[in-house]
């Protein structure tokens, strides 16, 4: 059965339509990804502040104030792809996004995600990525998804492998993180 975006409770607006992503046949407690919206800035700011030390080893430099409510509001308004909240028990547990979307003969996007420390180890990222993959290859009709992890980020590598991503190779000095250019293991999944 092809995956479709469908209304789910709670509903959130994305442009002029209401949508959410839930696995078909999933129960009410199933992970839900839904478009992020301006009203999420306070909750995102609180979550980012609580998880600053946890996320710092994996994330690129963020401007001062990024984790503030105003910083999160600015990030949400900036566009730059399609951004979803990963929702667990009605609260935002992290984010997952598609960026660098290229149409035409390539039809590809990059995937990025993070889950708060207190929600780690429960399969939320794996289920959220499964939903995003189905949405990407279904409704968006993309052909290729790509993702990268630092070489020692075994958790994210497991998430990608569980969702059918395969290793492409190592990109040397790929991203500036914590003041150093870090190598990344690159992954792909083709529709």
Foldseek 3Di string as FASTA:
>chain_A
DAFDWDADPPWDDDPHDTTKFDPVVDDPQGKIKGFDDLVCLVLQLVLCVVQVVVCQQWDADDDPPCSPSVNSSVVSVVDFFTKIFTDGPRGGFKIKTWGPQDDDPQQETEIDIDGGPVPPPPCSLLSVVLRVVSCSCGVVVGFKYKYKGFPPPVVVVVSCVSNPKDWPAKDFLPGQGPNGRTIITMTMDGD
